[in-house]
Amino acid sequence: MGDHLERATEFGAQFRTWLREGAIVHDETVIDGLANAPQALLDLVNGAYTGKTVVRLGS
């Protein structure tokens, strides 16, 4: 991408369109609570999740 920075704005617009249309989907795993973060990290490094993994700290 570094070779095509002049097209970053164009790409961003197209990427948002693809997300909105459902042409691109992303996986997200949400783990609730800081107390569950250590196990979530272990699971993450062992390949239990795909996509983005976040630990939700508040409700």
C-alpha atoms as a PDB file:
ATOM      1  CA  MET A   1       0.000   0.000   0.000  1.00  0.00           C
ATOM      2  CA  GLY A   2       2.890   2.354   0.641  1.00  0.00           C
ATOM      3  CA  ASP A   3       3.506   2.475  -3.097  1.00  0.00           C
ATOM      4  CA  HIS A   4      -0.010   3.835  -3.718  1.00  0.00           C
ATOM      5  CA  LEU A   5      -0.678   6.383  -0.980  1.00  0.00           C
ATOM      6  CA  GLU A   6      -2.147   8.769  -3.539  1.00  0.00           C
ATOM      7  CA  ARG A   7      -5.086   6.338  -3.848  1.00  0.00           C
ATOM      8  CA  ALA A   8      -5.739   5.980  -0.098  1.00  0.00           C
ATOM      9  CA  THR A   9      -8.798   8.258  -0.138  1.00  0.00           C
ATOM     10  CA  GLU A  10     -10.282   6.401  -3.101  1.00  0.00           C
ATOM     11  CA  PHE A  11      -9.620   3.051  -1.439  1.00  0.00           C
ATOM     12  CA  GLY A  12     -11.182   4.188   1.846  1.00  0.00           C
ATOM     13  CA  ALA A  13     -14.380   5.211   0.089  1.00  0.00           C
ATOM     14  CA  GLN A  14     -14.565   1.939  -1.852  1.00  0.00           C
ATOM     15  CA  PHE A  15     -13.804  -0.142   1.246  1.00  0.00           C
ATOM     16  CA  ARG A  16     -16.600   1.555   3.221  1.00  0.00           C
ATOM     17  CA  THR A  17     -18.982   0.816   0.352  1.00  0.00           C
ATOM     18  CA  TRP A  18     -17.992  -2.853   0.351  1.00  0.00           C
ATOM     19  CA  LEU A  19     -18.549  -3.059   4.123  1.00  0.00           C
ATOM     20  CA  ARG A  20     -21.945  -1.364   3.864  1.00  0.00           C
ATOM     21  CA  GLU A  21     -23.044  -3.677   1.037  1.00  0.00           C
ATOM     22  CA  GLY A  22     -21.838  -6.794   2.865  1.00  0.00           C
ATOM     23  CA  ALA A  23     -19.271  -7.629   0.170  1.00  0.00           C
ATOM     24  CA  ILE A  24     -16.645  -7.701   2.913  1.00  0.00           C
ATOM     25  CA  VAL A  25     -17.421  -8.986   6.388  1.00  0.00           C
ATOM     26  CA  HIS A  26     -15.220  -9.121   9.430  1.00  0.00           C
ATOM     27  CA  ASP A  27     -15.238 -11.410  12.414  1.00  0.00           C
ATOM     28  CA  GLU A  28     -15.179  -9.909  15.868  1.00  0.00           C
ATOM     29  CA  THR A  29     -15.086 -11.664  19.212  1.00  0.00           C
ATOM     30  CA  VAL A  30     -16.025  -9.660  22.308  1.00  0.00           C
ATOM     31  CA  ILE A  31     -14.946 -10.936  25.712  1.00  0.00           C
ATOM     32  CA  ASP A  32     -16.719  -9.319  28.664  1.00  0.00           C
ATOM     33  CA  GLY A  33     -14.771  -8.195  31.699  1.00  0.00           C
ATOM     34  CA  LEU A  34     -11.167  -7.583  32.594  1.00  0.00           C
ATOM     35  CA  ALA A  35     -11.176 -10.735  34.714  1.00  0.00           C
ATOM     36  CA  ASN A  36     -11.606 -12.766  31.509  1.00  0.00           C
ATOM     37  CA  ALA A  37      -8.763 -11.025  29.656  1.00  0.00           C
ATOM     38  CA  PRO A  38      -5.974 -13.472  30.630  1.00  0.00           C
ATOM     39  CA  GLN A  39      -7.931 -16.465  29.339  1.00  0.00           C
ATOM     40  CA  ALA A  40      -8.926 -14.504  26.238  1.00  0.00           C
ATOM     41  CA  LEU A  41      -5.251 -13.819  25.526  1.00  0.00           C
ATOM     42  CA  LEU A  42      -4.366 -17.480  25.928  1.00  0.00           C
ATOM     43  CA  ASP A  43      -7.243 -18.469  23.649  1.00  0.00           C
ATOM     44  CA  LEU A  44      -6.164 -15.865  21.105  1.00  0.00           C
ATOM     45  CA  VAL A  45      -2.587 -17.113  20.844  1.00  0.00           C
ATOM     46  CA  ASN A  46      -3.879 -20.678  20.601  1.00  0.00           C
ATOM     47  CA  GLY A  47      -6.014 -19.781  17.588  1.00  0.00           C
ATOM     48  CA  ALA A  48      -9.443 -19.913  19.206  1.00  0.00           C
ATOM     49  CA  TYR A  49     -10.638 -16.718  17.523  1.00  0.00           C
ATOM     50  CA  THR A  50     -10.607 -15.253  14.047  1.00  0.00           C
ATOM     51  CA  GLY A  51     -10.743 -11.567  13.239  1.00  0.00           C
ATOM     52  CA  LYS A  52     -10.599  -8.877  15.879  1.00  0.00           C
ATOM     53  CA  THR A  53     -10.759  -9.817  19.549  1.00  0.00           C
ATOM     54  CA  VAL A  54     -11.597  -7.172  22.148  1.00  0.00           C
ATOM     55  CA  VAL A  55     -12.163  -7.195  25.882  1.00  0.00           C
ATOM     56  CA  ARG A  56     -15.144  -5.046  26.869  1.00  0.00           C
ATOM     57  CA  LEU A  57     -14.484  -3.281  30.163  1.00  0.00           C
ATOM     58  CA  GLY A  58     -17.830  -1.551  30.670  1.00  0.00           C
ATOM     59  CA  SER A  59     -21.435  -2.264  29.821  1.00  0.00           C
END
